[in-house]
Each structure stands twice: as structure tokens, then as C-alpha cells.
Amino acid sequence: MNIRRRGKQCADFGSAEAMRSETMVRRNQMKAQGLVHKYGDNVDTDVIIPARYLNVADMNELANHCMEDIDADFVNKVNAGDIMVGGENFGCGSSREHAPAVIKASGIACVIAKTFARIFYRNSINIGLPILECPEASDAIASGDKVSVDFDTGIITNESKGETYQALPFPDFIKDIMAKGGLMKSLKE
């Protein structure tokens, strides 16, 4: 299913099938590649998805408002498979699951940050949004860089600069959750 968002055709990223099409997910192999959208420290859940929109039930409609208070043009710039990079304490604030879900629905294939707020980290895994902590990558990667991520090895490659950074790879049980589109979907299988 495709939707139209602000004049642009977008895939339905709410489904595990759509996520598999943008983040290559196979048993024992997960990779992502895309352009970077970079933000600073303490990006909170109210910036990721402003509370004024939380009465909207459709995740794809919510994706129209992802990051709008910090980057009004984000939804017009993001493409399926792109990567978001943040600084310290990414996803701090409320515990709403909407924040990682709306990032995923916008087309982002992976979030890399120096550190994540604990509840955001767990919510991301629960909904099947790949996230990696890597301070070195967070410091060196710039907006617009082309980056690839190998979740099996934890290697993040900045193809624009010819640099690599090492994050901790996902343990097998988290890879399994991600490959199935999130915790609830993994429990159904």
C-alpha cells in the first residue's frame, strides 16, 4: 500500500513487509544504507512527534509531522531507507511508543546516536526500528552523508568520507525481533 505525503509518493512503512524492503532483513543478515538526517543532543519525543498530533491514529498520517518542530522540511527531504543520526540522550522525554514508530513510518531505516534514552531504546526494539549507539559515528557523520550499516557486525560505513566506525552488533535475539518487525510480531510466530 502506498500513501501520498506532502506531494510525494511514499511506501507504507508501518508494516514489517515494508520495513524489510528498505532495511535488508534476512535470517542472520541485516543491513541498511541511506542518506543521513542529523540532529543534536537531547532530541526528545515531543520534538520527534509533537503531542498535539497524538490524537491521530493513522501512523502514516503521524509521519507527516515527524521532526517538524526541529526540522520543518524533514518529511519532504526523507527518503525510504535514510538514516537518522543524533547526539546524546536521543529520544528522551515521555515514554510514548509513537516516537520510534513515527520515525520508522517516515522511512528511516536506522537511528544512530551517542546514547539513547532507555525507554526510547526499548520502544525502538519493540516496534522493530534498528538503533545503534556509536559516539564516534555520531560525531563524524554529517547531514547528507551516505552511510551503510551492517547490523550483524556493528560496522557503520560513511561512504561519503571513506570512514568506518564500530558499534556493538545486535545479539541474535534482538536481530530476530527486528527481522520479524518488532516484539509483538515476533511473539506471534
C-alpha atoms as a PDB file:
ATOM      1  CA  MET A   1       0.000   0.000   0.000  1.00  0.00           C
ATOM      2  CA  ASN A   2       1.346   3.443  -0.897  1.00  0.00           C
ATOM      3  CA  ILE A   3       0.369   6.808   0.517  1.00  0.00           C
ATOM      4  CA  ARG A   4       0.914  10.327  -0.722  1.00  0.00           C
ATOM      5  CA  ARG A   5       2.694  12.583   1.751  1.00  0.00           C
ATOM      6  CA  ARG A   6       3.074  16.276   1.022  1.00  0.00           C
ATOM      7  CA  GLY A   7       3.078  15.725  -2.721  1.00  0.00           C
ATOM      8  CA  LYS A   8       5.456  12.764  -2.608  1.00  0.00           C
ATOM      9  CA  GLN A   9       4.702   9.060  -3.081  1.00  0.00           C
ATOM     10  CA  CYS A  10       5.759   7.030  -0.045  1.00  0.00           C
ATOM     11  CA  ALA A  11       5.554   3.379   0.873  1.00  0.00           C
ATOM     12  CA  ASP A  12       3.549   2.192   3.857  1.00  0.00           C
ATOM     13  CA  PHE A  13       6.332   1.746   6.407  1.00  0.00           C
ATOM     14  CA  GLY A  14       4.006   0.625   9.176  1.00  0.00           C
ATOM     15  CA  SER A  15       4.219  -2.999   8.075  1.00  0.00           C
ATOM     16  CA  ALA A  16       7.019  -5.474   8.593  1.00  0.00           C
ATOM     17  CA  GLU A  17       6.945  -6.260   4.861  1.00  0.00           C
ATOM     18  CA  ALA A  18       7.591  -2.617   4.001  1.00  0.00           C
ATOM     19  CA  MET A  19      10.397  -2.387   6.542  1.00  0.00           C
ATOM     20  CA  ARG A  20      12.020  -5.475   5.024  1.00  0.00           C
ATOM     21  CA  SER A  21      12.026  -3.768   1.638  1.00  0.00           C
ATOM     22  CA  GLU A  22      14.081  -0.825   2.922  1.00  0.00           C
ATOM     23  CA  THR A  23      16.249  -2.480   5.566  1.00  0.00           C
ATOM     24  CA  MET A  24      17.562  -5.691   4.108  1.00  0.00           C
ATOM     25  CA  VAL A  25      16.464  -8.224   6.690  1.00  0.00           C
ATOM     26  CA  ARG A  26      17.247 -11.873   6.274  1.00  0.00           C
ATOM     27  CA  ARG A  27      17.865 -14.534   8.806  1.00  0.00           C
ATOM     28  CA  ASN A  28      21.295 -13.691  10.222  1.00  0.00           C
ATOM     29  CA  GLN A  29      21.753 -10.697   7.878  1.00  0.00           C
ATOM     30  CA  MET A  30      20.552  -7.136   8.441  1.00  0.00           C
ATOM     31  CA  LYS A  31      21.819  -4.108   6.539  1.00  0.00           C
ATOM     32  CA  ALA A  32      20.711  -0.546   5.834  1.00  0.00           C
ATOM     33  CA  GLN A  33      22.004   2.172   3.528  1.00  0.00           C
ATOM     34  CA  GLY A  34      20.842   5.735   3.003  1.00  0.00           C
ATOM     35  CA  LEU A  35      21.432   9.449   3.364  1.00  0.00           C
ATOM     36  CA  VAL A  36      21.791  10.957   6.818  1.00  0.00           C
ATOM     37  CA  HIS A  37      19.484  13.372   8.633  1.00  0.00           C
ATOM     38  CA  LYS A  38      21.476  14.615  11.638  1.00  0.00           C
ATOM     39  CA  TYR A  39      20.273  16.190  14.878  1.00  0.00           C
ATOM     40  CA  GLY A  40      21.937  17.217  18.136  1.00  0.00           C
ATOM     41  CA  ASP A  41      21.741  16.223  21.776  1.00  0.00           C
ATOM     42  CA  ASN A  42      18.581  15.695  23.829  1.00  0.00           C
ATOM     43  CA  VAL A  43      16.151  15.284  20.941  1.00  0.00           C
ATOM     44  CA  ASP A  44      13.034  14.471  22.932  1.00  0.00           C
ATOM     45  CA  THR A  45       9.912  12.573  21.997  1.00  0.00           C
ATOM     46  CA  ASP A  46       7.902  15.830  21.824  1.00  0.00           C
ATOM     47  CA  VAL A  47      10.249  17.033  19.074  1.00  0.00           C
ATOM     48  CA  ILE A  48      10.119  13.701  17.249  1.00  0.00           C
ATOM     49  CA  ILE A  49       6.298  13.744  17.230  1.00  0.00           C
ATOM     50  CA  PRO A  50       4.619  16.763  18.849  1.00  0.00           C
ATOM     51  CA  ALA A  51       1.935  15.838  21.386  1.00  0.00           C
ATOM     52  CA  ARG A  52      -0.636  17.972  19.535  1.00  0.00           C
ATOM     53  CA  TYR A  53      -0.852  15.197  16.898  1.00  0.00           C
ATOM     54  CA  LEU A  54      -1.209  12.201  19.193  1.00  0.00           C
ATOM     55  CA  ASN A  55      -4.970  12.107  18.673  1.00  0.00           C
ATOM     56  CA  VAL A  56      -4.262  10.902  15.106  1.00  0.00           C
ATOM     57  CA  ALA A  57      -4.498   7.113  14.933  1.00  0.00           C
ATOM     58  CA  ASP A  58      -3.011   6.551  11.465  1.00  0.00           C
ATOM     59  CA  MET A  59       0.771   6.118  11.748  1.00  0.00           C
ATOM     60  CA  ASN A  60       1.360   7.215   8.167  1.00  0.00           C
ATOM     61  CA  GLU A  61      -0.534  10.453   8.855  1.00  0.00           C
ATOM     62  CA  LEU A  62       1.525  10.961  12.010  1.00  0.00           C
ATOM     63  CA  ALA A  63       4.665  10.531   9.884  1.00  0.00           C
ATOM     64  CA  ASN A  64       3.712  13.796   8.118  1.00  0.00           C
ATOM     65  CA  HIS A  65       4.629  15.563  11.366  1.00  0.00           C
ATOM     66  CA  CYS A  66       7.824  13.693  12.273  1.00  0.00           C
ATOM     67  CA  MET A  67      10.560  16.111  13.416  1.00  0.00           C
ATOM     68  CA  GLU A  68       8.558  19.158  12.258  1.00  0.00           C
ATOM     69  CA  ASP A  69       9.344  21.266  15.350  1.00  0.00           C
ATOM     70  CA  ILE A  70      13.111  20.864  14.847  1.00  0.00           C
ATOM     71  CA  ASP A  71      13.233  20.373  11.044  1.00  0.00           C
ATOM     72  CA  ALA A  72      10.082  21.612   9.286  1.00  0.00           C
ATOM     73  CA  ASP A  73      11.243  20.226   5.935  1.00  0.00           C
ATOM     74  CA  PHE A  74      12.188  16.735   7.195  1.00  0.00           C
ATOM     75  CA  VAL A  75       9.173  14.970   5.665  1.00  0.00           C
ATOM     76  CA  ASN A  76       9.966  16.496   2.279  1.00  0.00           C
ATOM     77  CA  LYS A  77      13.653  15.509   2.432  1.00  0.00           C
ATOM     78  CA  VAL A  78      13.466  11.984   3.869  1.00  0.00           C
ATOM     79  CA  ASN A  79      13.510   9.028   1.519  1.00  0.00           C
ATOM     80  CA  ALA A  80      12.858   5.385   2.238  1.00  0.00           C
ATOM     81  CA  GLY A  81      15.975   3.801   3.713  1.00  0.00           C
ATOM     82  CA  ASP A  82      17.547   7.026   5.014  1.00  0.00           C
ATOM     83  CA  ILE A  83      19.376   7.062   8.347  1.00  0.00           C
ATOM     84  CA  MET A  84      18.887   9.391  11.305  1.00  0.00           C
ATOM     85  CA  VAL A  85      21.855  10.374  13.473  1.00  0.00           C
ATOM     86  CA  GLY A  86      21.589  12.027  16.874  1.00  0.00           C
ATOM     87  CA  GLY A  87      23.780  13.009  19.783  1.00  0.00           C
ATOM     88  CA  GLU A  88      23.465  12.266  23.499  1.00  0.00           C
ATOM     89  CA  ASN A  89      20.191  11.133  25.076  1.00  0.00           C
ATOM     90  CA  PHE A  90      18.246  10.730  21.812  1.00  0.00           C
ATOM     91  CA  GLY A  91      14.563  10.043  22.470  1.00  0.00           C
ATOM     92  CA  CYS A  92      14.442  11.474  25.985  1.00  0.00           C
ATOM     93  CA  GLY A  93      11.162  12.729  27.416  1.00  0.00           C
ATOM     94  CA  SER A  94       7.926  10.808  27.585  1.00  0.00           C
ATOM     95  CA  SER A  95       7.691   7.066  27.165  1.00  0.00           C
ATOM     96  CA  ARG A  96       5.366   7.199  24.169  1.00  0.00           C
ATOM     97  CA  GLU A  97       5.902   4.447  21.635  1.00  0.00           C
ATOM     98  CA  HIS A  98       4.738   6.859  18.935  1.00  0.00           C
ATOM     99  CA  ALA A  99       8.227   8.428  18.694  1.00  0.00           C
ATOM    100  CA  PRO A 100      10.170   5.464  17.283  1.00  0.00           C
ATOM    101  CA  ALA A 101       7.091   4.294  15.344  1.00  0.00           C
ATOM    102  CA  VAL A 102       6.744   7.627  13.538  1.00  0.00           C
ATOM    103  CA  ILE A 103      10.473   7.649  12.706  1.00  0.00           C
ATOM    104  CA  LYS A 104      10.070   4.188  11.180  1.00  0.00           C
ATOM    105  CA  ALA A 105       6.876   5.227   9.366  1.00  0.00           C
ATOM    106  CA  SER A 106       8.663   8.228   7.853  1.00  0.00           C
ATOM    107  CA  GLY A 107      11.029   5.837   6.046  1.00  0.00           C
ATOM    108  CA  ILE A 108      14.066   5.970   8.335  1.00  0.00           C
ATOM    109  CA  ALA A 109      15.799   2.567   8.279  1.00  0.00           C
ATOM    110  CA  CYS A 110      18.086   3.087  11.284  1.00  0.00           C
ATOM    111  CA  VAL A 111      18.899   5.581  14.042  1.00  0.00           C
ATOM    112  CA  ILE A 112      22.488   6.037  15.220  1.00  0.00           C
ATOM    113  CA  ALA A 113      23.240   8.143  18.315  1.00  0.00           C
ATOM    114  CA  LYS A 114      25.863   8.631  21.008  1.00  0.00           C
ATOM    115  CA  THR A 115      23.306   7.424  23.570  1.00  0.00           C
ATOM    116  CA  PHE A 116      19.566   6.754  23.697  1.00  0.00           C
ATOM    117  CA  ALA A 117      17.075   7.337  26.449  1.00  0.00           C
ATOM    118  CA  ARG A 118      16.365   3.900  27.913  1.00  0.00           C
ATOM    119  CA  ILE A 119      12.639   3.793  27.195  1.00  0.00           C
ATOM    120  CA  PHE A 120      13.166   5.027  23.611  1.00  0.00           C
ATOM    121  CA  TYR A 121      15.777   2.300  23.091  1.00  0.00           C
ATOM    122  CA  ARG A 122      13.393  -0.387  24.305  1.00  0.00           C
ATOM    123  CA  ASN A 123      10.408   1.017  22.391  1.00  0.00           C
ATOM    124  CA  SER A 124      12.501   1.040  19.207  1.00  0.00           C
ATOM    125  CA  ILE A 125      13.289  -2.639  19.573  1.00  0.00           C
ATOM    126  CA  ASN A 126       9.657  -3.366  20.402  1.00  0.00           C
ATOM    127  CA  ILE A 127       8.437  -1.811  17.145  1.00  0.00           C
ATOM    128  CA  GLY A 128      11.337  -3.113  15.023  1.00  0.00           C
ATOM    129  CA  LEU A 129      13.288   0.128  14.445  1.00  0.00           C
ATOM    130  CA  PRO A 130      17.031  -0.662  14.308  1.00  0.00           C
ATOM    131  CA  ILE A 131      19.112   1.632  16.536  1.00  0.00           C
ATOM    132  CA  LEU A 132      22.825   1.679  17.310  1.00  0.00           C
ATOM    133  CA  GLU A 133      24.864   3.566  19.890  1.00  0.00           C
ATOM    134  CA  CYS A 134      28.178   4.769  18.467  1.00  0.00           C
ATOM    135  CA  PRO A 135      29.656   8.059  19.762  1.00  0.00           C
ATOM    136  CA  GLU A 136      32.408   8.066  17.125  1.00  0.00           C
ATOM    137  CA  ALA A 137      29.910   7.766  14.261  1.00  0.00           C
ATOM    138  CA  SER A 138      27.621  10.356  15.819  1.00  0.00           C
ATOM    139  CA  ASP A 139      30.493  12.860  15.970  1.00  0.00           C
ATOM    140  CA  ALA A 140      31.922  12.199  12.489  1.00  0.00           C
ATOM    141  CA  ILE A 141      28.830  11.727  10.314  1.00  0.00           C
ATOM    142  CA  ALA A 142      27.254  14.856   8.789  1.00  0.00           C
ATOM    143  CA  SER A 143      23.815  15.526   7.351  1.00  0.00           C
ATOM    144  CA  GLY A 144      23.675  14.366   3.754  1.00  0.00           C
ATOM    145  CA  ASP A 145      26.448  11.780   4.108  1.00  0.00           C
ATOM    146  CA  LYS A 146      25.752   8.390   2.545  1.00  0.00           C
ATOM    147  CA  VAL A 147      26.029   5.740   5.251  1.00  0.00           C
ATOM    148  CA  SER A 148      25.650   1.969   5.311  1.00  0.00           C
ATOM    149  CA  VAL A 149      25.136  -0.174   8.398  1.00  0.00           C
ATOM    150  CA  ASP A 150      25.795  -3.864   8.887  1.00  0.00           C
ATOM    151  CA  PHE A 151      23.823  -4.839  11.969  1.00  0.00           C
ATOM    152  CA  ASP A 152      25.464  -8.280  12.128  1.00  0.00           C
ATOM    153  CA  THR A 153      28.942  -6.823  12.648  1.00  0.00           C
ATOM    154  CA  GLY A 154      28.010  -3.381  14.024  1.00  0.00           C
ATOM    155  CA  ILE A 155      30.114  -1.734  11.317  1.00  0.00           C
ATOM    156  CA  ILE A 156      28.881   1.668  10.211  1.00  0.00           C
ATOM    157  CA  THR A 157      30.465   2.896   6.982  1.00  0.00           C
ATOM    158  CA  ASN A 158      30.431   6.540   5.989  1.00  0.00           C
ATOM    159  CA  GLU A 159      30.674   6.085   2.243  1.00  0.00           C
ATOM    160  CA  SER A 160      30.916   9.846   1.673  1.00  0.00           C
ATOM    161  CA  LYS A 161      34.072  10.150   3.804  1.00  0.00           C
ATOM    162  CA  GLY A 162      35.519   6.641   3.416  1.00  0.00           C
ATOM    163  CA  GLU A 163      35.421   6.042   7.191  1.00  0.00           C
ATOM    164  CA  THR A 164      34.180   3.157   9.304  1.00  0.00           C
ATOM    165  CA  TYR A 165      33.008   3.095  12.911  1.00  0.00           C
ATOM    166  CA  GLN A 166      32.338   0.171  15.226  1.00  0.00           C
ATOM    167  CA  ALA A 167      29.112  -0.164  17.210  1.00  0.00           C
ATOM    168  CA  LEU A 168      28.071  -3.198  19.201  1.00  0.00           C
ATOM    169  CA  PRO A 169      26.188  -5.568  16.908  1.00  0.00           C
ATOM    170  CA  PHE A 170      22.727  -6.754  17.867  1.00  0.00           C
ATOM    171  CA  PRO A 171      22.577 -10.002  19.794  1.00  0.00           C
ATOM    172  CA  ASP A 172      20.756 -12.779  17.940  1.00  0.00           C
ATOM    173  CA  PHE A 173      17.523 -12.434  19.934  1.00  0.00           C
ATOM    174  CA  ILE A 174      17.240  -8.717  19.030  1.00  0.00           C
ATOM    175  CA  LYS A 175      18.056  -9.476  15.378  1.00  0.00           C
ATOM    176  CA  ASP A 176      15.213 -11.970  15.453  1.00  0.00           C
ATOM    177  CA  ILE A 177      12.806  -9.356  16.884  1.00  0.00           C
ATOM    178  CA  MET A 178      13.897  -6.832  14.228  1.00  0.00           C
ATOM    179  CA  ALA A 179      13.630  -9.338  11.376  1.00  0.00           C
ATOM    180  CA  LYS A 180      10.049 -10.102  12.368  1.00  0.00           C
ATOM    181  CA  GLY A 181       9.036  -6.432  12.554  1.00  0.00           C
ATOM    182  CA  GLY A 182       9.003  -5.963  16.330  1.00  0.00           C
ATOM    183  CA  LEU A 183       8.390  -7.723  19.617  1.00  0.00           C
ATOM    184  CA  MET A 184       4.665  -8.447  19.275  1.00  0.00           C
ATOM    185  CA  LYS A 185       5.089  -9.836  15.762  1.00  0.00           C
ATOM    186  CA  SER A 186       7.994 -11.992  16.903  1.00  0.00           C
ATOM    187  CA  LEU A 187       5.863 -13.455  19.707  1.00  0.00           C
ATOM    188  CA  LYS A 188       3.133 -14.441  17.255  1.00  0.00           C
ATOM    189  CA  GLU A 189       5.499 -16.649  15.255  1.00  0.00           C
END
